[in-house]
Structures are given as structure tokens and as C-alpha cells.
Amino acid sequence: MRDLSLISPRSARASVRTTDLVSKTAIHEALQELNQGVEQVVRSLTVLQRAGLDLPFLNGQKILLEEIRAGANRQINGLMIEWESEDWNKDRS
């Protein structure tokens, strides 16, 4: 599995700018839904853990999910900041 935390937002760019195909609002909404979904899974794993189930992998899974969420947020927010800056500079020209 590739470590996505090492990819900078600039190197993650597609050849066609994503915002040309999908609105920025849709990207923000998708990121919000991803964050809510991860939070729901983490809460569910916590309930299972508190129920006393002898599943030693639960904490590790919660940590992995949080790392995935953090990486996705970092990548997507980095790209959005870059795109907003480009648009702002374009508008000023």
C-alpha cells in the first residue's frame, strides 16, 4: 500500500484540473461526508471496545482510520488552497 502522506498536493494533481469537472462545493461536501463517515465508524468501534469484546485490533483500526482521514484532509485541503490561490490570482489579472 502506498503511503499517501508523503505525496504533496502539487504532485497529486491530475492532468485535468479536478475543479474543471467537479465543483469546489461538491469537493467540500464530499470531504465533510468522508469526515462524518470516519467519525461514525470510530464511534462504532469505540462502542464495541467498551462492550468488552476481546478484539485487540480495534484500537489499531481506529488509529488507521484517523490517519487515513488526516491524510485525505491534508491532501484535499492543500489542493483546494492551491486552486483558490490560482483563481484569486487569475481574477486579479
N, C-alpha and C. Protein backbone atom coordinates (compact mmCIF):
# COMPACT_ATOMS: atom_id res chain seq x y z
N MET A 1 0.84 -1.18 0.00
CA MET A 1 0.00 0.00 0.00
C MET A 1 0.88 1.24 0.00
N ARG A 2 0.54 2.23 -0.79
CA ARG A 2 1.32 3.45 -0.92
C ARG A 2 1.04 4.40 0.23
N ASP A 3 2.08 5.00 0.78
CA ASP A 3 1.92 5.96 1.87
C ASP A 3 1.54 7.32 1.28
N LEU A 4 0.25 7.65 1.34
CA LEU A 4 -0.24 8.88 0.73
C LEU A 4 0.19 10.12 1.48
N SER A 5 0.62 9.98 2.71
CA SER A 5 1.03 11.15 3.48
C SER A 5 2.29 11.78 2.91
N LEU A 6 3.03 11.04 2.08
CA LEU A 6 4.26 11.56 1.51
C LEU A 6 4.05 12.29 0.19
N ILE A 7 2.84 12.26 -0.33
CA ILE A 7 2.54 12.91 -1.59
C ILE A 7 2.15 14.35 -1.31
N SER A 8 2.83 15.27 -1.93
CA SER A 8 2.46 16.67 -1.73
C SER A 8 1.24 16.98 -2.60
N PRO A 9 0.48 17.98 -2.22
CA PRO A 9 -0.68 18.34 -3.03
C PRO A 9 -0.32 18.61 -4.49
N ARG A 10 0.83 19.25 -4.73
CA ARG A 10 1.24 19.56 -6.09
C ARG A 10 1.48 18.28 -6.89
N SER A 11 2.12 17.27 -6.30
CA SER A 11 2.41 16.04 -7.04
C SER A 11 1.17 15.18 -7.20
N ALA A 12 0.12 15.47 -6.44
CA ALA A 12 -1.11 14.69 -6.54
C ALA A 12 -2.04 15.24 -7.62
N ARG A 13 -1.66 16.31 -8.26
CA ARG A 13 -2.52 16.94 -9.27
C ARG A 13 -2.71 16.03 -10.46
N ALA A 14 -3.92 16.03 -10.97
CA ALA A 14 -4.24 15.29 -12.18
C ALA A 14 -3.91 16.17 -13.38
N SER A 15 -3.81 15.56 -14.55
CA SER A 15 -3.51 16.34 -15.74
C SER A 15 -4.66 17.28 -16.09
N VAL A 16 -5.88 16.90 -15.76
CA VAL A 16 -7.03 17.78 -15.92
C VAL A 16 -7.42 18.26 -14.54
N ARG A 17 -7.51 19.54 -14.37
CA ARG A 17 -7.84 20.09 -13.06
C ARG A 17 -9.20 19.59 -12.61
N THR A 18 -9.23 19.03 -11.42
CA THR A 18 -10.45 18.42 -10.89
C THR A 18 -11.59 19.41 -10.85
N THR A 19 -11.31 20.66 -10.49
CA THR A 19 -12.40 21.62 -10.36
C THR A 19 -12.99 22.00 -11.71
N ASP A 20 -12.33 21.59 -12.81
CA ASP A 20 -12.94 21.78 -14.12
C ASP A 20 -14.07 20.78 -14.32
N LEU A 21 -14.03 19.66 -13.58
CA LEU A 21 -15.01 18.60 -13.74
C LEU A 21 -16.04 18.56 -12.61
N VAL A 22 -15.62 18.96 -11.42
CA VAL A 22 -16.47 18.89 -10.22
C VAL A 22 -16.39 20.24 -9.52
N SER A 23 -17.50 20.70 -9.01
CA SER A 23 -17.48 22.00 -8.34
C SER A 23 -16.71 21.93 -7.02
N LYS A 24 -16.18 23.05 -6.62
CA LYS A 24 -15.47 23.12 -5.34
C LYS A 24 -16.42 22.79 -4.20
N THR A 25 -17.66 23.21 -4.33
CA THR A 25 -18.65 22.90 -3.30
C THR A 25 -18.82 21.40 -3.16
N ALA A 26 -18.89 20.68 -4.27
CA ALA A 26 -19.04 19.23 -4.23
C ALA A 26 -17.83 18.57 -3.56
N ILE A 27 -16.65 19.13 -3.79
CA ILE A 27 -15.44 18.58 -3.16
C ILE A 27 -15.50 18.81 -1.65
N HIS A 28 -15.88 20.01 -1.23
CA HIS A 28 -16.00 20.29 0.21
C HIS A 28 -17.05 19.39 0.85
N GLU A 29 -18.17 19.20 0.17
CA GLU A 29 -19.23 18.35 0.71
C GLU A 29 -18.76 16.90 0.82
N ALA A 30 -18.03 16.42 -0.18
CA ALA A 30 -17.52 15.05 -0.14
C ALA A 30 -16.54 14.87 1.01
N LEU A 31 -15.69 15.87 1.23
CA LEU A 31 -14.74 15.80 2.34
C LEU A 31 -15.48 15.80 3.67
N GLN A 32 -16.52 16.60 3.78
CA GLN A 32 -17.31 16.62 5.01
C GLN A 32 -17.96 15.25 5.24
N GLU A 33 -18.50 14.65 4.20
CA GLU A 33 -19.12 13.33 4.32
C GLU A 33 -18.09 12.27 4.70
N LEU A 34 -16.90 12.37 4.13
CA LEU A 34 -15.83 11.43 4.49
C LEU A 34 -15.51 11.56 5.97
N ASN A 35 -15.36 12.81 6.45
CA ASN A 35 -15.05 13.02 7.87
C ASN A 35 -16.16 12.50 8.77
N GLN A 36 -17.42 12.74 8.38
CA GLN A 36 -18.53 12.24 9.18
C GLN A 36 -18.58 10.71 9.18
N GLY A 37 -18.29 10.11 8.03
CA GLY A 37 -18.30 8.65 7.94
C GLY A 37 -17.22 8.01 8.79
N VAL A 38 -16.02 8.59 8.74
CA VAL A 38 -14.94 8.07 9.56
C VAL A 38 -15.29 8.22 11.03
N GLU A 39 -15.84 9.37 11.41
CA GLU A 39 -16.22 9.60 12.80
C GLU A 39 -17.26 8.56 13.26
N GLN A 40 -18.20 8.25 12.40
CA GLN A 40 -19.22 7.26 12.75
C GLN A 40 -18.59 5.88 12.96
N VAL A 41 -17.66 5.50 12.10
CA VAL A 41 -17.00 4.21 12.24
C VAL A 41 -16.18 4.17 13.53
N VAL A 42 -15.45 5.26 13.81
CA VAL A 42 -14.64 5.32 15.03
C VAL A 42 -15.54 5.21 16.27
N ARG A 43 -16.67 5.90 16.26
CA ARG A 43 -17.61 5.79 17.39
C ARG A 43 -18.12 4.35 17.54
N SER A 44 -18.44 3.71 16.43
CA SER A 44 -18.92 2.32 16.49
C SER A 44 -17.85 1.38 17.04
N LEU A 45 -16.61 1.57 16.60
CA LEU A 45 -15.52 0.74 17.12
C LEU A 45 -15.33 0.97 18.62
N THR A 46 -15.51 2.22 19.06
CA THR A 46 -15.38 2.54 20.48
C THR A 46 -16.46 1.82 21.29
N VAL A 47 -17.69 1.81 20.77
CA VAL A 47 -18.79 1.10 21.45
C VAL A 47 -18.46 -0.38 21.57
N LEU A 48 -17.96 -0.97 20.50
CA LEU A 48 -17.59 -2.39 20.54
C LEU A 48 -16.49 -2.63 21.56
N GLN A 49 -15.54 -1.72 21.60
CA GLN A 49 -14.43 -1.85 22.54
C GLN A 49 -14.93 -1.74 23.98
N ARG A 50 -15.80 -0.78 24.24
CA ARG A 50 -16.34 -0.59 25.59
C ARG A 50 -17.26 -1.74 26.02
N ALA A 51 -17.81 -2.43 25.04
CA ALA A 51 -18.69 -3.56 25.34
C ALA A 51 -17.89 -4.75 25.86
N GLY A 52 -16.57 -4.61 25.87
CA GLY A 52 -15.73 -5.65 26.42
C GLY A 52 -15.39 -6.76 25.45
N LEU A 53 -15.65 -6.54 24.18
CA LEU A 53 -15.29 -7.55 23.20
C LEU A 53 -13.78 -7.70 23.16
N ASP A 54 -13.32 -8.89 23.17
CA ASP A 54 -11.88 -9.14 23.18
C ASP A 54 -11.37 -9.14 21.74
N LEU A 55 -11.34 -7.93 21.16
CA LEU A 55 -10.87 -7.77 19.79
C LEU A 55 -9.69 -6.79 19.81
N PRO A 56 -8.48 -7.30 19.99
CA PRO A 56 -7.32 -6.43 20.19
C PRO A 56 -7.01 -5.52 19.00
N PHE A 57 -7.54 -5.81 17.84
CA PHE A 57 -7.23 -5.00 16.67
C PHE A 57 -8.05 -3.71 16.60
N LEU A 58 -9.09 -3.56 17.43
CA LEU A 58 -9.98 -2.41 17.32
C LEU A 58 -9.26 -1.08 17.46
N ASN A 59 -8.41 -0.95 18.46
CA ASN A 59 -7.71 0.32 18.64
C ASN A 59 -6.81 0.62 17.44
N GLY A 60 -6.15 -0.39 16.93
CA GLY A 60 -5.31 -0.19 15.75
C GLY A 60 -6.11 0.26 14.54
N GLN A 61 -7.31 -0.29 14.39
CA GLN A 61 -8.17 0.10 13.28
C GLN A 61 -8.63 1.55 13.43
N LYS A 62 -8.93 1.96 14.66
CA LYS A 62 -9.32 3.36 14.89
C LYS A 62 -8.17 4.29 14.53
N ILE A 63 -6.97 3.93 14.93
CA ILE A 63 -5.80 4.76 14.64
C ILE A 63 -5.59 4.84 13.12
N LEU A 64 -5.71 3.72 12.43
CA LEU A 64 -5.54 3.71 10.98
C LEU A 64 -6.58 4.59 10.30
N LEU A 65 -7.83 4.50 10.73
CA LEU A 65 -8.87 5.34 10.15
C LEU A 65 -8.59 6.82 10.36
N GLU A 66 -8.13 7.17 11.55
CA GLU A 66 -7.80 8.58 11.83
C GLU A 66 -6.65 9.05 10.95
N GLU A 67 -5.68 8.19 10.71
CA GLU A 67 -4.55 8.55 9.85
C GLU A 67 -5.00 8.73 8.41
N ILE A 68 -5.90 7.86 7.95
CA ILE A 68 -6.44 7.99 6.60
C ILE A 68 -7.21 9.30 6.47
N ARG A 69 -8.04 9.59 7.47
CA ARG A 69 -8.81 10.83 7.45
C ARG A 69 -7.88 12.04 7.43
N ALA A 70 -6.88 12.04 8.28
CA ALA A 70 -5.95 13.17 8.34
C ALA A 70 -5.22 13.35 7.01
N GLY A 71 -4.79 12.25 6.42
CA GLY A 71 -4.10 12.32 5.13
C GLY A 71 -4.99 12.86 4.03
N ALA A 72 -6.22 12.39 3.98
CA ALA A 72 -7.17 12.87 2.97
C ALA A 72 -7.45 14.36 3.16
N ASN A 73 -7.66 14.77 4.41
CA ASN A 73 -7.91 16.19 4.68
C ASN A 73 -6.72 17.05 4.27
N ARG A 74 -5.52 16.60 4.59
CA ARG A 74 -4.31 17.35 4.25
C ARG A 74 -4.17 17.49 2.74
N GLN A 75 -4.35 16.39 2.03
CA GLN A 75 -4.21 16.39 0.58
C GLN A 75 -5.26 17.28 -0.09
N ILE A 76 -6.51 17.06 0.27
CA ILE A 76 -7.60 17.77 -0.38
C ILE A 76 -7.57 19.25 -0.03
N ASN A 77 -7.36 19.57 1.23
CA ASN A 77 -7.30 20.98 1.62
C ASN A 77 -6.10 21.68 0.97
N GLY A 78 -4.99 20.98 0.85
CA GLY A 78 -3.83 21.56 0.18
C GLY A 78 -4.11 21.90 -1.27
N LEU A 79 -4.78 20.97 -1.97
CA LEU A 79 -5.15 21.23 -3.36
C LEU A 79 -6.15 22.37 -3.46
N MET A 80 -7.13 22.39 -2.56
CA MET A 80 -8.15 23.44 -2.62
C MET A 80 -7.52 24.81 -2.37
N ILE A 81 -6.59 24.90 -1.45
CA ILE A 81 -5.91 26.17 -1.18
C ILE A 81 -5.13 26.61 -2.42
N GLU A 82 -4.46 25.66 -3.05
CA GLU A 82 -3.71 25.97 -4.26
C GLU A 82 -4.64 26.47 -5.37
N TRP A 83 -5.76 25.77 -5.56
CA TRP A 83 -6.71 26.17 -6.60
C TRP A 83 -7.34 27.52 -6.30
N GLU A 84 -7.68 27.77 -5.04
CA GLU A 84 -8.25 29.06 -4.67
C GLU A 84 -7.25 30.18 -4.94
N SER A 85 -5.99 29.93 -4.63
CA SER A 85 -4.95 30.93 -4.86
C SER A 85 -4.80 31.21 -6.36
N GLU A 86 -4.82 30.15 -7.17
CA GLU A 86 -4.73 30.32 -8.62
C GLU A 86 -5.92 31.12 -9.14
N ASP A 87 -7.11 30.80 -8.67
CA ASP A 87 -8.31 31.52 -9.10
C ASP A 87 -8.26 32.97 -8.67
N TRP A 88 -7.80 33.22 -7.46
CA TRP A 88 -7.70 34.59 -6.95
C TRP A 88 -6.73 35.39 -7.80
N ASN A 89 -5.58 34.78 -8.13
CA ASN A 89 -4.59 35.46 -8.97
C ASN A 89 -5.12 35.69 -10.37
N LYS A 90 -5.89 34.75 -10.90
CA LYS A 90 -6.50 34.90 -12.22
C LYS A 90 -7.49 36.06 -12.24
N ASP A 91 -8.28 36.15 -11.18
CA ASP A 91 -9.28 37.20 -11.09
C ASP A 91 -8.64 38.59 -10.97
N ARG A 92 -7.48 38.64 -10.41
CA ARG A 92 -6.78 39.93 -10.22
C ARG A 92 -6.10 40.38 -11.50
N SER A 93 -5.90 39.45 -12.43
CA SER A 93 -5.18 39.78 -13.69
C SER A 93 -6.06 40.52 -14.66
